[in-house]
Amino acid sequence: MKKLLLSFAAVAVIASTYSCRETPEEKPVEVEINETEYEIKEAGESAADRAEDALNEAGDAIENAAEEVHNEVHDATH
């Protein structure tokens, strides 16, 4: 019986401590929306930058390939 009472007391102390714990304040919906909009904007800009870099690299590769073909044709005809 003594163990049962001590166990019950321990559970009661744990439960009361846990229930008195502070919970973090929830952010207002407007703040969440603004943060999400910012994250979406940043992700879009980053994707646009990567796409622009890829297009520039592709353009450079095409120019180099065209120059090589031109040189090969020139060498073959002269």
C-alpha atoms as a PDB file:
ATOM      1  CA  MET A   1       0.000   0.000   0.000  1.00  0.00           C
ATOM      2  CA  LYS A   2       2.874   2.317   0.827  1.00  0.00           C
ATOM      3  CA  LYS A   3       4.397   1.822  -2.651  1.00  0.00           C
ATOM      4  CA  LEU A   4       1.032   2.544  -4.258  1.00  0.00           C
ATOM      5  CA  LEU A   5       0.665   5.837  -2.372  1.00  0.00           C
ATOM      6  CA  LEU A   6       4.247   6.865  -3.161  1.00  0.00           C
ATOM      7  CA  SER A   7       3.736   6.028  -6.834  1.00  0.00           C
ATOM      8  CA  PHE A   8       0.511   8.014  -6.922  1.00  0.00           C
ATOM      9  CA  ALA A   9       2.240  10.970  -5.234  1.00  0.00           C
ATOM     10  CA  ALA A  10       5.103  10.816  -7.745  1.00  0.00           C
ATOM     11  CA  VAL A  11       2.677  10.757 -10.681  1.00  0.00           C
ATOM     12  CA  ALA A  12       0.767  13.673  -9.171  1.00  0.00           C
ATOM     13  CA  VAL A  13       3.971  15.745  -8.804  1.00  0.00           C
ATOM     14  CA  ILE A  14       5.029  14.959 -12.381  1.00  0.00           C
ATOM     15  CA  ALA A  15       1.582  15.773 -13.742  1.00  0.00           C
ATOM     16  CA  SER A  16       1.372  19.072 -11.877  1.00  0.00           C
ATOM     17  CA  THR A  17       4.868  20.089 -12.996  1.00  0.00           C
ATOM     18  CA  TYR A  18       4.132  19.193 -16.591  1.00  0.00           C
ATOM     19  CA  SER A  19       0.811  21.024 -16.636  1.00  0.00           C
ATOM     20  CA  CYS A  20       2.352  24.239 -15.246  1.00  0.00           C
ATOM     21  CA  ARG A  21       4.985  24.342 -17.962  1.00  0.00           C
ATOM     22  CA  GLU A  22       4.842  27.427 -20.169  1.00  0.00           C
ATOM     23  CA  THR A  23       3.846  26.822 -23.733  1.00  0.00           C
ATOM     24  CA  PRO A  24       5.317  28.973 -26.476  1.00  0.00           C
ATOM     25  CA  GLU A  25       3.044  31.704 -27.693  1.00  0.00           C
ATOM     26  CA  GLU A  26       1.476  31.028 -31.051  1.00  0.00           C
ATOM     27  CA  LYS A  27       2.327  33.432 -33.817  1.00  0.00           C
ATOM     28  CA  PRO A  28      -0.500  35.443 -35.303  1.00  0.00           C
ATOM     29  CA  VAL A  29      -1.675  34.224 -38.688  1.00  0.00           C
ATOM     30  CA  GLU A  30      -0.509  37.465 -40.331  1.00  0.00           C
ATOM     31  CA  VAL A  31       3.050  36.872 -39.126  1.00  0.00           C
ATOM     32  CA  GLU A  32       2.979  33.299 -40.423  1.00  0.00           C
ATOM     33  CA  ILE A  33       1.687  34.520 -43.793  1.00  0.00           C
ATOM     34  CA  ASN A  34       4.386  37.206 -44.049  1.00  0.00           C
ATOM     35  CA  GLU A  35       7.124  34.721 -43.167  1.00  0.00           C
ATOM     36  CA  THR A  36       5.797  32.236 -45.704  1.00  0.00           C
ATOM     37  CA  GLU A  37       5.568  34.912 -48.411  1.00  0.00           C
ATOM     38  CA  TYR A  38       9.188  35.907 -47.704  1.00  0.00           C
ATOM     39  CA  GLU A  39      10.358  32.286 -47.884  1.00  0.00           C
ATOM     40  CA  ILE A  40       8.497  31.753 -51.165  1.00  0.00           C
ATOM     41  CA  LYS A  41       9.973  34.943 -52.613  1.00  0.00           C
ATOM     42  CA  GLU A  42      13.500  33.923 -51.579  1.00  0.00           C
ATOM     43  CA  ALA A  43      13.045  30.436 -53.034  1.00  0.00           C
ATOM     44  CA  GLY A  44      11.742  31.918 -56.287  1.00  0.00           C
ATOM     45  CA  GLU A  45      14.660  34.314 -56.576  1.00  0.00           C
ATOM     46  CA  SER A  46      17.117  31.520 -55.875  1.00  0.00           C
ATOM     47  CA  ALA A  47      15.501  29.305 -58.504  1.00  0.00           C
ATOM     48  CA  ALA A  48      15.545  32.172 -60.996  1.00  0.00           C
ATOM     49  CA  ASP A  49      19.240  32.781 -60.336  1.00  0.00           C
ATOM     50  CA  ARG A  50      20.051  29.093 -60.835  1.00  0.00           C
ATOM     51  CA  ALA A  51      18.002  28.998 -64.046  1.00  0.00           C
ATOM     52  CA  GLU A  52      19.791  32.091 -65.362  1.00  0.00           C
ATOM     53  CA  ASP A  53      23.176  30.539 -64.568  1.00  0.00           C
ATOM     54  CA  ALA A  54      22.174  27.329 -66.343  1.00  0.00           C
ATOM     55  CA  LEU A  55      20.994  29.275 -69.398  1.00  0.00           C
ATOM     56  CA  ASN A  56      24.251  31.236 -69.507  1.00  0.00           C
ATOM     57  CA  GLU A  57      26.276  28.023 -69.301  1.00  0.00           C
ATOM     58  CA  ALA A  58      24.172  26.435 -72.042  1.00  0.00           C
ATOM     59  CA  GLY A  59      24.606  29.507 -74.237  1.00  0.00           C
ATOM     60  CA  ASP A  60      28.366  29.424 -73.722  1.00  0.00           C
ATOM     61  CA  ALA A  61      28.461  25.719 -74.569  1.00  0.00           C
ATOM     62  CA  ILE A  62      26.474  26.312 -77.775  1.00  0.00           C
ATOM     63  CA  GLU A  63      28.762  29.167 -78.797  1.00  0.00           C
ATOM     64  CA  ASN A  64      31.844  27.033 -78.159  1.00  0.00           C
ATOM     65  CA  ALA A  65      30.379  24.116 -80.113  1.00  0.00           C
ATOM     66  CA  ALA A  66      29.446  26.405 -83.015  1.00  0.00           C
ATOM     67  CA  GLU A  67      32.960  27.861 -83.054  1.00  0.00           C
ATOM     68  CA  GLU A  68      34.489  24.381 -83.067  1.00  0.00           C
ATOM     69  CA  VAL A  69      32.234  23.308 -85.958  1.00  0.00           C
ATOM     70  CA  HIS A  70      33.132  26.472 -87.854  1.00  0.00           C
ATOM     71  CA  ASN A  71      36.844  25.826 -87.337  1.00  0.00           C
ATOM     72  CA  GLU A  72      36.505  22.184 -88.416  1.00  0.00           C
ATOM     73  CA  VAL A  73      34.601  23.158 -91.559  1.00  0.00           C
ATOM     74  CA  HIS A  74      37.163  25.892 -92.306  1.00  0.00           C
ATOM     75  CA  ASP A  75      40.072  23.488 -91.858  1.00  0.00           C
ATOM     76  CA  ALA A  76      38.396  20.839 -94.009  1.00  0.00           C
ATOM     77  CA  THR A  77      37.709  23.241 -96.868  1.00  0.00           C
ATOM     78  CA  HIS A  78      41.061  24.962 -96.959  1.00  0.00           C
END
